[in-house]
Amino acid sequence: MSTAKTLILTIVSIAIVAPMAVAQRQGEETNFRKPKDEADLRYWLENMVWHHNFTKGEITAATGLKAQEIDAALTKCKISAATKPRRPADAPLLVLPYPGGRHPRIGFLEGAIRPQRETKISVFTPWDDASYVVVDVPEAIFSNLGLTYLAHTHVPTIWEKQKVELEKLEWNRRPDGALDIERKLPNGIVFGTKIAPKAHEVRMELWLTNGAKEKLTDMRVQNCVLLKGAKGFESLTNDNKVFAPPYAACKSADGKRWVITAWESHQRSWGNVKCPCLHSDPRIPDCAPGETQRLRGWLSFYEGDDIQAEVRRIDKAGWRAK
């Protein structure tokens, strides 16, 4: 290839990629949420410092606070790695709202600009309290109307096409460690998620009520388990994954540990090597106006080398709807 042709191709490539990179960077810079009061600030600082081990830059990206404001708040609240409380041995798995500020993906970032934190939770591993997976539930909802919801900016949703901006929400945090959230879309559709941590697993529920005038059909959901934050699971490959519908599982690099997820009304198990992530994606049954549909999901960790036996054990745990 001639030098002139190479130069032309390079210029064209830059012209295509550069605007995407700029849009992504600008989106991330404005994707913070300032704490609403002192109690809220304390909660998020504990979340980010004690558990997610955020850098000061990541705290700024999540909260919009300047470095000196963060230092002052950490000193006032006495929050540091040294003040992290010890969790009781019999405590359920630790589940926290994901604070944003650190992108939950390693790659394919252009496919998830301005990730919304109100769909994302961190589930910390039982063997390493600094390792966690981020569960994005729901990451996306498709229906006969089109892309009805998306938890980041990428493919335009039916609302973005109408230039309708959805309000920012936050998880409801319950005293027993459970989390729940509900969103009402402009056409009356309401959906929500409940997260219930147990000693050895996390039970999940996704529900949708059709408040629109027309029947909803062909409803498909993407529920994503992002592996970037779990040490030993972050390899950019699918060779470490097992797909046995409705289950999807990822094996650690040493082969001794597993992350397992599943959803009923299953339609597809898969993984994106660029993120990397794990999917067990369900289908919501058709929903007439005024009707509600519910789906149940599962997430757990396993230490051992017989994943088939563990899946059979989970299958008998009664996590699906009766």
C-alpha atoms as a PDB file:
ATOM      1  CA  MET A   1       0.000   0.000   0.000  1.00  0.00           C
ATOM      2  CA  SER A   2       1.310   3.462  -0.883  1.00  0.00           C
ATOM      3  CA  THR A   3       2.180   6.039   1.749  1.00  0.00           C
ATOM      4  CA  ALA A   4      -0.575   8.316   0.438  1.00  0.00           C
ATOM      5  CA  LYS A   5      -3.240   5.600   0.763  1.00  0.00           C
ATOM      6  CA  THR A   6      -2.029   4.722   4.269  1.00  0.00           C
ATOM      7  CA  LEU A   7      -2.238   8.377   5.277  1.00  0.00           C
ATOM      8  CA  ILE A   8      -5.779   8.689   3.891  1.00  0.00           C
ATOM      9  CA  LEU A   9      -6.930   5.563   5.772  1.00  0.00           C
ATOM     10  CA  THR A  10      -5.365   6.863   8.976  1.00  0.00           C
ATOM     11  CA  ILE A  11      -7.112  10.219   8.641  1.00  0.00           C
ATOM     12  CA  VAL A  12     -10.471   8.532   7.951  1.00  0.00           C
ATOM     13  CA  SER A  13      -9.991   6.253  10.970  1.00  0.00           C
ATOM     14  CA  ILE A  14      -9.218   9.218  13.230  1.00  0.00           C
ATOM     15  CA  ALA A  15     -12.232  11.099  11.881  1.00  0.00           C
ATOM     16  CA  ILE A  16     -14.506   8.201  12.816  1.00  0.00           C
ATOM     17  CA  VAL A  17     -13.021   7.217  16.172  1.00  0.00           C
ATOM     18  CA  ALA A  18     -12.102  10.640  17.602  1.00  0.00           C
ATOM     19  CA  PRO A  19     -15.673  12.004  17.927  1.00  0.00           C
ATOM     20  CA  MET A  20     -16.731   8.789  19.658  1.00  0.00           C
ATOM     21  CA  ALA A  21     -13.855   9.058  22.119  1.00  0.00           C
ATOM     22  CA  VAL A  22     -14.606  12.726  22.815  1.00  0.00           C
ATOM     23  CA  ALA A  23     -18.308  12.016  23.348  1.00  0.00           C
ATOM     24  CA  GLN A  24     -17.454   9.164  25.696  1.00  0.00           C
ATOM     25  CA  ARG A  25     -15.007  11.268  27.718  1.00  0.00           C
ATOM     26  CA  GLN A  26     -17.391  14.222  27.956  1.00  0.00           C
ATOM     27  CA  GLY A  27     -20.212  11.908  28.975  1.00  0.00           C
ATOM     28  CA  GLU A  28     -18.176  10.381  31.785  1.00  0.00           C
ATOM     29  CA  GLU A  29     -17.053  13.791  33.046  1.00  0.00           C
ATOM     30  CA  THR A  30     -20.677  14.841  33.621  1.00  0.00           C
ATOM     31  CA  ASN A  31     -21.967  11.521  34.910  1.00  0.00           C
ATOM     32  CA  PHE A  32     -21.427  12.226  38.620  1.00  0.00           C
ATOM     33  CA  ARG A  33     -24.044  12.585  41.360  1.00  0.00           C
ATOM     34  CA  LYS A  34     -23.403  14.932  44.245  1.00  0.00           C
ATOM     35  CA  PRO A  35     -24.513  13.553  47.654  1.00  0.00           C
ATOM     36  CA  LYS A  36     -27.786  15.162  48.733  1.00  0.00           C
ATOM     37  CA  ASP A  37     -26.764  15.702  52.372  1.00  0.00           C
ATOM     38  CA  GLU A  38     -24.127  14.805  54.965  1.00  0.00           C
ATOM     39  CA  ALA A  39     -25.623  11.380  55.698  1.00  0.00           C
ATOM     40  CA  ASP A  40     -25.682  10.580  51.991  1.00  0.00           C
ATOM     41  CA  LEU A  41     -22.067  11.725  51.642  1.00  0.00           C
ATOM     42  CA  ARG A  42     -20.998   9.484  54.522  1.00  0.00           C
ATOM     43  CA  TYR A  43     -22.791   6.482  53.023  1.00  0.00           C
ATOM     44  CA  TRP A  44     -21.177   6.850  49.602  1.00  0.00           C
ATOM     45  CA  LEU A  45     -17.727   7.497  51.022  1.00  0.00           C
ATOM     46  CA  GLU A  46     -17.988   4.329  53.122  1.00  0.00           C
ATOM     47  CA  ASN A  47     -19.207   2.473  50.046  1.00  0.00           C
ATOM     48  CA  MET A  48     -16.372   3.741  47.841  1.00  0.00           C
ATOM     49  CA  VAL A  49     -13.457   3.711  50.326  1.00  0.00           C
ATOM     50  CA  TRP A  50     -14.195   0.770  52.609  1.00  0.00           C
ATOM     51  CA  HIS A  51     -15.517  -1.626  50.008  1.00  0.00           C
ATOM     52  CA  HIS A  52     -14.735  -0.554  46.438  1.00  0.00           C
ATOM     53  CA  ASN A  53     -11.272   0.843  47.247  1.00  0.00           C
ATOM     54  CA  PHE A  54     -11.780   3.884  45.033  1.00  0.00           C
ATOM     55  CA  THR A  55      -8.985   6.301  44.323  1.00  0.00           C
ATOM     56  CA  LYS A  56      -9.563   9.990  44.998  1.00  0.00           C
ATOM     57  CA  GLY A  57      -9.989  10.544  41.265  1.00  0.00           C
ATOM     58  CA  GLU A  58     -12.693   7.880  41.105  1.00  0.00           C
ATOM     59  CA  ILE A  59     -14.489   9.461  44.071  1.00  0.00           C
ATOM     60  CA  THR A  60     -14.431  12.773  42.223  1.00  0.00           C
ATOM     61  CA  ALA A  61     -15.797  11.088  39.100  1.00  0.00           C
ATOM     62  CA  ALA A  62     -18.631   9.561  41.141  1.00  0.00           C
ATOM     63  CA  THR A  63     -19.538  12.602  43.265  1.00  0.00           C
ATOM     64  CA  GLY A  64     -18.249  15.695  41.480  1.00  0.00           C
ATOM     65  CA  LEU A  65     -16.430  16.721  44.677  1.00  0.00           C
ATOM     66  CA  LYS A  66     -12.980  18.280  44.504  1.00  0.00           C
ATOM     67  CA  ALA A  67      -9.946  16.642  46.118  1.00  0.00           C
ATOM     68  CA  GLN A  68      -9.873  19.023  49.077  1.00  0.00           C
ATOM     69  CA  GLU A  69     -13.595  18.476  49.711  1.00  0.00           C
ATOM     70  CA  ILE A  70     -13.041  14.723  49.706  1.00  0.00           C
ATOM     71  CA  ASP A  71     -10.104  14.982  52.113  1.00  0.00           C
ATOM     72  CA  ALA A  72     -12.114  17.125  54.498  1.00  0.00           C
ATOM     73  CA  ALA A  73     -15.105  14.758  54.403  1.00  0.00           C
ATOM     74  CA  LEU A  74     -12.974  11.649  54.930  1.00  0.00           C
ATOM     75  CA  THR A  75     -11.285  13.280  57.930  1.00  0.00           C
ATOM     76  CA  LYS A  76     -14.561  14.476  59.425  1.00  0.00           C
ATOM     77  CA  CYS A  77     -16.282  11.114  58.960  1.00  0.00           C
ATOM     78  CA  LYS A  78     -13.165   9.145  60.001  1.00  0.00           C
ATOM     79  CA  ILE A  79     -13.336   7.002  56.897  1.00  0.00           C
ATOM     80  CA  SER A  80     -10.203   5.200  55.746  1.00  0.00           C
ATOM     81  CA  ALA A  81      -9.048   1.680  54.993  1.00  0.00           C
ATOM     82  CA  ALA A  82      -7.981   1.420  58.639  1.00  0.00           C
ATOM     83  CA  THR A  83     -11.479   2.182  59.987  1.00  0.00           C
ATOM     84  CA  LYS A  84     -13.283  -0.390  57.848  1.00  0.00           C
ATOM     85  CA  PRO A  85     -15.467  -2.491  60.179  1.00  0.00           C
ATOM     86  CA  ARG A  86     -15.167  -6.259  60.296  1.00  0.00           C
ATOM     87  CA  ARG A  87     -18.246  -8.083  59.039  1.00  0.00           C
ATOM     88  CA  PRO A  88     -19.765 -10.857  61.183  1.00  0.00           C
ATOM     89  CA  ALA A  89     -18.822 -14.358  60.073  1.00  0.00           C
ATOM     90  CA  ASP A  90     -22.486 -15.323  59.624  1.00  0.00           C
ATOM     91  CA  ALA A  91     -23.414 -12.203  57.636  1.00  0.00           C
ATOM     92  CA  PRO A  92     -25.084 -12.661  54.239  1.00  0.00           C
ATOM     93  CA  LEU A  93     -23.147 -11.891  51.079  1.00  0.00           C
ATOM     94  CA  LEU A  94     -22.361  -8.183  50.889  1.00  0.00           C
ATOM     95  CA  VAL A  95     -24.446  -6.400  48.282  1.00  0.00           C
ATOM     96  CA  LEU A  96     -24.072  -2.649  47.696  1.00  0.00           C
ATOM     97  CA  PRO A  97     -25.280  -0.155  45.118  1.00  0.00           C
ATOM     98  CA  TYR A  98     -22.516   0.428  42.595  1.00  0.00           C
ATOM     99  CA  PRO A  99     -21.416   4.075  43.028  1.00  0.00           C
ATOM    100  CA  GLY A 100     -20.291   4.852  39.468  1.00  0.00           C
ATOM    101  CA  GLY A 101     -17.061   6.782  38.966  1.00  0.00           C
ATOM    102  CA  ARG A 102     -15.193   3.646  37.881  1.00  0.00           C
ATOM    103  CA  HIS A 103     -16.386   2.097  34.658  1.00  0.00           C
ATOM    104  CA  PRO A 104     -17.491  -1.483  35.370  1.00  0.00           C
ATOM    105  CA  ARG A 105     -16.107  -2.685  32.028  1.00  0.00           C
ATOM    106  CA  ILE A 106     -12.510  -3.225  30.960  1.00  0.00           C
ATOM    107  CA  GLY A 107     -13.245  -2.858  27.247  1.00  0.00           C
ATOM    108  CA  PHE A 108     -16.026  -2.026  24.778  1.00  0.00           C
ATOM    109  CA  LEU A 109     -16.457   1.272  26.644  1.00  0.00           C
ATOM    110  CA  GLU A 110     -17.879   2.927  23.550  1.00  0.00           C
ATOM    111  CA  GLY A 111     -20.824   0.542  23.942  1.00  0.00           C
ATOM    112  CA  ALA A 112     -21.610   1.821  27.442  1.00  0.00           C
ATOM    113  CA  ILE A 113     -21.251   5.598  27.736  1.00  0.00           C
ATOM    114  CA  ARG A 114     -22.615   7.246  30.907  1.00  0.00           C
ATOM    115  CA  PRO A 115     -23.524   3.980  32.691  1.00  0.00           C
ATOM    116  CA  GLN A 116     -26.451   4.508  35.060  1.00  0.00           C
ATOM    117  CA  ARG A 117     -25.823   3.393  38.615  1.00  0.00           C
ATOM    118  CA  GLU A 118     -29.505   2.786  39.478  1.00  0.00           C
ATOM    119  CA  THR A 119     -29.423  -0.578  37.705  1.00  0.00           C
ATOM    120  CA  LYS A 120     -26.075  -1.724  39.072  1.00  0.00           C
ATOM    121  CA  ILE A 121     -25.201  -3.535  42.291  1.00  0.00           C
ATOM    122  CA  SER A 122     -21.898  -4.929  43.530  1.00  0.00           C
ATOM    123  CA  VAL A 123     -21.869  -8.425  45.000  1.00  0.00           C
ATOM    124  CA  PHE A 124     -18.656  -9.098  46.921  1.00  0.00           C
ATOM    125  CA  THR A 125     -17.028 -12.509  46.831  1.00  0.00           C
ATOM    126  CA  PRO A 126     -16.933 -14.578  50.040  1.00  0.00           C
ATOM    127  CA  TRP A 127     -13.219 -15.355  49.663  1.00  0.00           C
ATOM    128  CA  ASP A 128     -11.922 -11.812  49.048  1.00  0.00           C
ATOM    129  CA  ASP A 129     -13.745  -8.750  50.392  1.00  0.00           C
ATOM    130  CA  ALA A 130     -11.984  -6.524  47.840  1.00  0.00           C
ATOM    131  CA  SER A 131     -13.326  -8.507  44.864  1.00  0.00           C
ATOM    132  CA  TYR A 132     -16.805  -8.052  43.481  1.00  0.00           C
ATOM    133  CA  VAL A 133     -18.960  -8.517  40.411  1.00  0.00           C
ATOM    134  CA  VAL A 134     -21.273  -5.781  39.166  1.00  0.00           C
ATOM    135  CA  VAL A 135     -24.753  -7.018  38.307  1.00  0.00           C
ATOM    136  CA  ASP A 136     -26.536  -4.766  35.807  1.00  0.00           C
ATOM    137  CA  VAL A 137     -30.227  -5.589  36.137  1.00  0.00           C
ATOM    138  CA  PRO A 138     -31.814  -4.754  33.839  1.00  0.00           C
ATOM    139  CA  GLU A 139     -29.139  -3.661  31.410  1.00  0.00           C
ATOM    140  CA  ALA A 140     -31.680  -3.515  28.606  1.00  0.00           C
ATOM    141  CA  ILE A 141     -35.350  -4.214  27.914  1.00  0.00           C
ATOM    142  CA  PHE A 142     -36.534  -4.803  24.365  1.00  0.00           C
ATOM    143  CA  SER A 143     -40.191  -5.084  23.323  1.00  0.00           C
ATOM    144  CA  ASN A 144     -42.450  -4.767  20.296  1.00  0.00           C
ATOM    145  CA  LEU A 145     -42.115  -0.999  20.862  1.00  0.00           C
ATOM    146  CA  GLY A 146     -38.354  -1.134  20.273  1.00  0.00           C
ATOM    147  CA  LEU A 147     -35.491  -0.629  22.737  1.00  0.00           C
ATOM    148  CA  THR A 148     -37.659   0.298  25.706  1.00  0.00           C
ATOM    149  CA  TYR A 149     -34.891   0.818  28.270  1.00  0.00           C
ATOM    150  CA  LEU A 150     -31.086   0.888  28.309  1.00  0.00           C
ATOM    151  CA  ALA A 151     -28.889   1.425  31.380  1.00  0.00           C
ATOM    152  CA  HIS A 152     -26.251   3.434  29.506  1.00  0.00           C
ATOM    153  CA  THR A 153     -25.868   5.452  26.326  1.00  0.00           C
ATOM    154  CA  HIS A 154     -25.270   3.405  23.201  1.00  0.00           C
ATOM    155  CA  VAL A 155     -28.089   2.375  20.845  1.00  0.00           C
ATOM    156  CA  PRO A 156     -30.876   5.016  21.051  1.00  0.00           C
ATOM    157  CA  THR A 157     -33.927   3.970  23.053  1.00  0.00           C
ATOM    158  CA  ILE A 158     -37.478   4.856  22.061  1.00  0.00           C
ATOM    159  CA  TRP A 159     -37.248   7.722  24.589  1.00  0.00           C
ATOM    160  CA  GLU A 160     -33.982   9.118  23.263  1.00  0.00           C
ATOM    161  CA  LYS A 161     -35.487   9.140  19.783  1.00  0.00           C
ATOM    162  CA  GLN A 162     -38.287  11.287  21.223  1.00  0.00           C
ATOM    163  CA  LYS A 163     -35.734  13.451  23.095  1.00  0.00           C
ATOM    164  CA  VAL A 164     -37.267  12.425  26.430  1.00  0.00           C
ATOM    165  CA  GLU A 165     -34.757  12.234  29.290  1.00  0.00           C
ATOM    166  CA  LEU A 166     -35.437   9.734  32.089  1.00  0.00           C
ATOM    167  CA  GLU A 167     -34.966  10.904  35.666  1.00  0.00           C
ATOM    168  CA  LYS A 168     -32.062   9.670  37.766  1.00  0.00           C
ATOM    169  CA  LEU A 169     -33.018   7.216  40.505  1.00  0.00           C
ATOM    170  CA  GLU A 170     -31.312   5.508  43.433  1.00  0.00           C
ATOM    171  CA  TRP A 171     -31.662   2.088  45.022  1.00  0.00           C
ATOM    172  CA  ASN A 172     -33.778   1.810  48.162  1.00  0.00           C
ATOM    173  CA  ARG A 173     -31.513   0.395  50.859  1.00  0.00           C
ATOM    174  CA  ARG A 174     -33.269  -1.842  53.380  1.00  0.00           C
ATOM    175  CA  PRO A 175     -32.084  -2.609  56.961  1.00  0.00           C
ATOM    176  CA  ASP A 176     -31.584  -6.305  56.182  1.00  0.00           C
ATOM    177  CA  GLY A 177     -29.206  -5.520  53.300  1.00  0.00           C
ATOM    178  CA  ALA A 178     -31.804  -5.953  50.572  1.00  0.00           C
ATOM    179  CA  LEU A 179     -32.095  -3.447  47.713  1.00  0.00           C
ATOM    180  CA  ASP A 180     -35.016  -2.524  45.502  1.00  0.00           C
ATOM    181  CA  ILE A 181     -35.915   0.055  42.901  1.00  0.00           C
ATOM    182  CA  GLU A 182     -38.843   0.981  40.649  1.00  0.00           C
ATOM    183  CA  ARG A 183     -38.978   3.036  37.454  1.00  0.00           C
ATOM    184  CA  LYS A 184     -42.026   4.362  35.618  1.00  0.00           C
ATOM    185  CA  LEU A 185     -41.507   5.056  31.938  1.00  0.00           C
ATOM    186  CA  PRO A 186     -43.269   7.937  30.142  1.00  0.00           C
ATOM    187  CA  ASN A 187     -45.854   5.646  28.513  1.00  0.00           C
ATOM    188  CA  GLY A 188     -46.915   4.123  31.857  1.00  0.00           C
ATOM    189  CA  ILE A 189     -44.816   0.955  31.831  1.00  0.00           C
ATOM    190  CA  VAL A 190     -43.397   0.321  35.306  1.00  0.00           C
ATOM    191  CA  PHE A 191     -40.562  -2.076  36.056  1.00  0.00           C
ATOM    192  CA  GLY A 192     -38.549  -2.817  39.142  1.00  0.00           C
ATOM    193  CA  THR A 193     -35.882  -5.008  40.681  1.00  0.00           C
ATOM    194  CA  LYS A 194     -35.495  -6.597  44.096  1.00  0.00           C
ATOM    195  CA  ILE A 195     -32.174  -7.917  45.378  1.00  0.00           C
ATOM    196  CA  ALA A 196     -32.094 -10.185  48.443  1.00  0.00           C
ATOM    197  CA  PRO A 197     -28.662 -11.315  49.702  1.00  0.00           C
ATOM    198  CA  LYS A 198     -28.512 -14.653  51.520  1.00  0.00           C
ATOM    199  CA  ALA A 199     -25.668 -16.495  53.222  1.00  0.00           C
ATOM    200  CA  HIS A 200     -24.559 -18.299  50.060  1.00  0.00           C
ATOM    201  CA  GLU A 201     -26.437 -16.672  47.189  1.00  0.00           C
ATOM    202  CA  VAL A 202     -28.271 -13.591  46.031  1.00  0.00           C
ATOM    203  CA  ARG A 203     -31.911 -13.972  45.021  1.00  0.00           C
ATOM    204  CA  MET A 204     -33.159 -11.500  42.422  1.00  0.00           C
ATOM    205  CA  GLU A 205     -36.551 -10.536  41.081  1.00  0.00           C
ATOM    206  CA  LEU A 206     -37.394  -8.451  38.032  1.00  0.00           C
ATOM    207  CA  TRP A 207     -40.994  -7.395  37.486  1.00  0.00           C
ATOM    208  CA  LEU A 208     -42.834  -5.345  34.889  1.00  0.00           C
ATOM    209  CA  THR A 209     -46.351  -3.878  34.948  1.00  0.00           C
ATOM    210  CA  ASN A 210     -47.881  -2.802  31.665  1.00  0.00           C
ATOM    211  CA  GLY A 211     -49.413   0.606  32.300  1.00  0.00           C
ATOM    212  CA  ALA A 212     -49.490   1.374  28.586  1.00  0.00           C
ATOM    213  CA  LYS A 213     -52.585   1.106  26.381  1.00  0.00           C
ATOM    214  CA  GLU A 214     -51.242  -1.577  24.071  1.00  0.00           C
ATOM    215  CA  LYS A 215     -50.203  -5.166  24.729  1.00  0.00           C
ATOM    216  CA  LEU A 216     -46.475  -5.693  25.190  1.00  0.00           C
ATOM    217  CA  THR A 217     -44.933  -8.584  23.273  1.00  0.00           C
ATOM    218  CA  ASP A 218     -41.510  -9.924  22.326  1.00  0.00           C
ATOM    219  CA  MET A 219     -40.004  -8.630  25.591  1.00  0.00           C
ATOM    220  CA  ARG A 220     -36.373  -9.612  25.985  1.00  0.00           C
ATOM    221  CA  VAL A 221     -34.108  -8.579  28.839  1.00  0.00           C
ATOM    222  CA  GLN A 222     -30.327  -8.351  29.113  1.00  0.00           C
ATOM    223  CA  ASN A 223     -29.027  -8.902  32.659  1.00  0.00           C
ATOM    224  CA  CYS A 224     -25.261  -8.520  32.801  1.00  0.00           C
ATOM    225  CA  VAL A 225     -22.716  -9.744  35.386  1.00  0.00           C
ATOM    226  CA  LEU A 226     -19.554  -7.684  34.901  1.00  0.00           C
ATOM    227  CA  LEU A 227     -16.338  -9.388  36.008  1.00  0.00           C
ATOM    228  CA  LYS A 228     -13.761  -6.572  35.970  1.00  0.00           C
ATOM    229  CA  GLY A 229     -13.741  -6.149  39.772  1.00  0.00           C
ATOM    230  CA  ALA A 230     -13.388  -9.851  40.633  1.00  0.00           C
ATOM    231  CA  LYS A 231      -9.739 -10.864  40.873  1.00  0.00           C
ATOM    232  CA  GLY A 232      -9.012 -13.946  38.790  1.00  0.00           C
ATOM    233  CA  PHE A 233     -12.145 -13.589  36.638  1.00  0.00           C
ATOM    234  CA  GLU A 234     -11.175 -10.579  34.521  1.00  0.00           C
ATOM    235  CA  SER A 235      -9.571 -12.396  31.559  1.00  0.00           C
ATOM    236  CA  LEU A 236     -10.849 -11.216  28.177  1.00  0.00           C
ATOM    237  CA  THR A 237     -12.003 -14.625  26.995  1.00  0.00           C
ATOM    238  CA  ASN A 238     -14.969 -16.983  27.005  1.00  0.00           C
ATOM    239  CA  ASP A 239     -12.724 -20.021  27.446  1.00  0.00           C
ATOM    240  CA  ASN A 240     -13.230 -19.716  31.225  1.00  0.00           C
ATOM    241  CA  LYS A 241     -17.021 -19.820  30.944  1.00  0.00           C
ATOM    242  CA  VAL A 242     -19.642 -22.568  30.937  1.00  0.00           C
ATOM    243  CA  PHE A 243     -23.084 -22.011  29.426  1.00  0.00           C
ATOM    244  CA  ALA A 244     -25.681 -24.550  30.534  1.00  0.00           C
ATOM    245  CA  PRO A 245     -29.055 -22.807  30.105  1.00  0.00           C
ATOM    246  CA  PRO A 246     -30.414 -21.207  32.164  1.00  0.00           C
ATOM    247  CA  TYR A 247     -27.033 -21.097  33.916  1.00  0.00           C
ATOM    248  CA  ALA A 248     -23.940 -19.164  32.951  1.00  0.00           C
ATOM    249  CA  ALA A 249     -20.741 -19.604  34.970  1.00  0.00           C
ATOM    250  CA  CYS A 250     -17.223 -18.199  34.930  1.00  0.00           C
ATOM    251  CA  LYS A 251     -14.152 -19.977  36.333  1.00  0.00           C
ATOM    252  CA  SER A 252     -11.271 -18.209  38.063  1.00  0.00           C
ATOM    253  CA  ALA A 253      -7.784 -18.297  36.566  1.00  0.00           C
ATOM    254  CA  ASP A 254      -6.641 -20.871  39.140  1.00  0.00           C
ATOM    255  CA  GLY A 255      -9.642 -23.087  38.369  1.00  0.00           C
ATOM    256  CA  LYS A 256     -10.771 -23.251  41.991  1.00  0.00           C
ATOM    257  CA  ARG A 257     -13.651 -20.768  42.102  1.00  0.00           C
ATOM    258  CA  TRP A 258     -16.755 -19.906  40.110  1.00  0.00           C
ATOM    259  CA  VAL A 259     -19.311 -17.127  39.609  1.00  0.00           C
ATOM    260  CA  ILE A 260     -22.736 -18.516  38.659  1.00  0.00           C
ATOM    261  CA  THR A 261     -25.881 -16.742  37.508  1.00  0.00           C
ATOM    262  CA  ALA A 262     -29.261 -17.763  36.084  1.00  0.00           C
ATOM    263  CA  TRP A 263     -32.692 -16.366  35.258  1.00  0.00           C
ATOM    264  CA  GLU A 264     -35.936 -18.200  34.675  1.00  0.00           C
ATOM    265  CA  SER A 265     -37.859 -17.790  31.390  1.00  0.00           C
ATOM    266  CA  HIS A 266     -34.422 -18.134  29.856  1.00  0.00           C
ATOM    267  CA  GLN A 267     -33.709 -17.125  26.272  1.00  0.00           C
ATOM    268  CA  ARG A 268     -29.891 -16.908  25.971  1.00  0.00           C
ATOM    269  CA  SER A 269     -26.666 -17.570  27.900  1.00  0.00           C
ATOM    270  CA  TRP A 270     -23.556 -15.825  26.607  1.00  0.00           C
ATOM    271  CA  GLY A 271     -20.534 -13.695  27.467  1.00  0.00           C
ATOM    272  CA  ASN A 272     -18.898 -10.652  25.929  1.00  0.00           C
ATOM    273  CA  VAL A 273     -15.128 -11.152  25.967  1.00  0.00           C
ATOM    274  CA  LYS A 274     -14.424  -7.423  25.627  1.00  0.00           C
ATOM    275  CA  CYS A 275     -16.166  -6.380  28.845  1.00  0.00           C
ATOM    276  CA  PRO A 276     -15.773  -9.173  30.158  1.00  0.00           C
ATOM    277  CA  CYS A 277     -19.212 -10.251  31.337  1.00  0.00           C
ATOM    278  CA  LEU A 278     -21.585 -13.112  31.891  1.00  0.00           C
ATOM    279  CA  HIS A 279     -25.233 -13.256  30.779  1.00  0.00           C
ATOM    280  CA  SER A 280     -28.285 -15.359  31.489  1.00  0.00           C
ATOM    281  CA  ASP A 281     -30.890 -13.328  29.645  1.00  0.00           C
ATOM    282  CA  PRO A 282     -34.612 -13.948  30.178  1.00  0.00           C
ATOM    283  CA  ARG A 283     -37.743 -13.293  28.180  1.00  0.00           C
ATOM    284  CA  ILE A 284     -40.700 -11.552  29.826  1.00  0.00           C
ATOM    285  CA  PRO A 285     -44.007 -13.199  28.864  1.00  0.00           C
ATOM    286  CA  ASP A 286     -46.446 -11.093  26.835  1.00  0.00           C
ATOM    287  CA  CYS A 287     -48.142  -8.550  29.060  1.00  0.00           C
ATOM    288  CA  ALA A 288     -51.632  -7.131  28.525  1.00  0.00           C
ATOM    289  CA  PRO A 289     -52.500  -3.622  29.760  1.00  0.00           C
ATOM    290  CA  GLY A 290     -52.728  -3.668  33.559  1.00  0.00           C
ATOM    291  CA  GLU A 291     -50.968  -7.029  33.836  1.00  0.00           C
ATOM    292  CA  THR A 292     -47.754  -7.723  35.794  1.00  0.00           C
ATOM    293  CA  GLN A 293     -45.097 -10.283  34.946  1.00  0.00           C
ATOM    294  CA  ARG A 294     -42.366 -11.420  37.361  1.00  0.00           C
ATOM    295  CA  LEU A 295     -39.067 -13.210  36.805  1.00  0.00           C
ATOM    296  CA  ARG A 296     -36.661 -14.647  39.366  1.00  0.00           C
ATOM    297  CA  GLY A 297     -32.896 -14.767  39.133  1.00  0.00           C
ATOM    298  CA  TRP A 298     -29.916 -16.236  40.947  1.00  0.00           C
ATOM    299  CA  LEU A 299     -26.280 -15.329  41.604  1.00  0.00           C
ATOM    300  CA  SER A 300     -23.822 -17.320  43.705  1.00  0.00           C
ATOM    301  CA  PHE A 301     -20.162 -18.189  44.189  1.00  0.00           C
ATOM    302  CA  TYR A 302     -18.707 -21.689  44.309  1.00  0.00           C
ATOM    303  CA  GLU A 303     -15.361 -23.064  45.443  1.00  0.00           C
ATOM    304  CA  GLY A 304     -14.656 -26.474  43.940  1.00  0.00           C
ATOM    305  CA  ASP A 305     -14.039 -28.313  40.682  1.00  0.00           C
ATOM    306  CA  ASP A 306     -17.402 -29.989  39.977  1.00  0.00           C
ATOM    307  CA  ILE A 307     -19.457 -27.207  38.433  1.00  0.00           C
ATOM    308  CA  GLN A 308     -22.028 -29.663  37.055  1.00  0.00           C
ATOM    309  CA  ALA A 309     -22.766 -30.981  40.553  1.00  0.00           C
ATOM    310  CA  GLU A 310     -23.035 -27.417  41.872  1.00  0.00           C
ATOM    311  CA  VAL A 311     -25.505 -26.493  39.140  1.00  0.00           C
ATOM    312  CA  ARG A 312     -27.597 -29.548  40.017  1.00  0.00           C
ATOM    313  CA  ARG A 313     -27.554 -28.486  43.664  1.00  0.00           C
ATOM    314  CA  ILE A 314     -28.673 -24.954  42.766  1.00  0.00           C
ATOM    315  CA  ASP A 315     -31.402 -26.389  40.566  1.00  0.00           C
ATOM    316  CA  LYS A 316     -32.897 -28.072  43.635  1.00  0.00           C
ATOM    317  CA  ALA A 317     -32.766 -24.864  45.733  1.00  0.00           C
ATOM    318  CA  GLY A 318     -36.199 -23.736  44.569  1.00  0.00           C
ATOM    319  CA  TRP A 319     -35.122 -20.330  43.258  1.00  0.00           C
ATOM    320  CA  ARG A 320     -37.536 -20.360  40.326  1.00  0.00           C
ATOM    321  CA  ALA A 321     -41.162 -19.309  40.624  1.00  0.00           C
ATOM    322  CA  LYS A 322     -43.479 -22.111  41.671  1.00  0.00           C
END
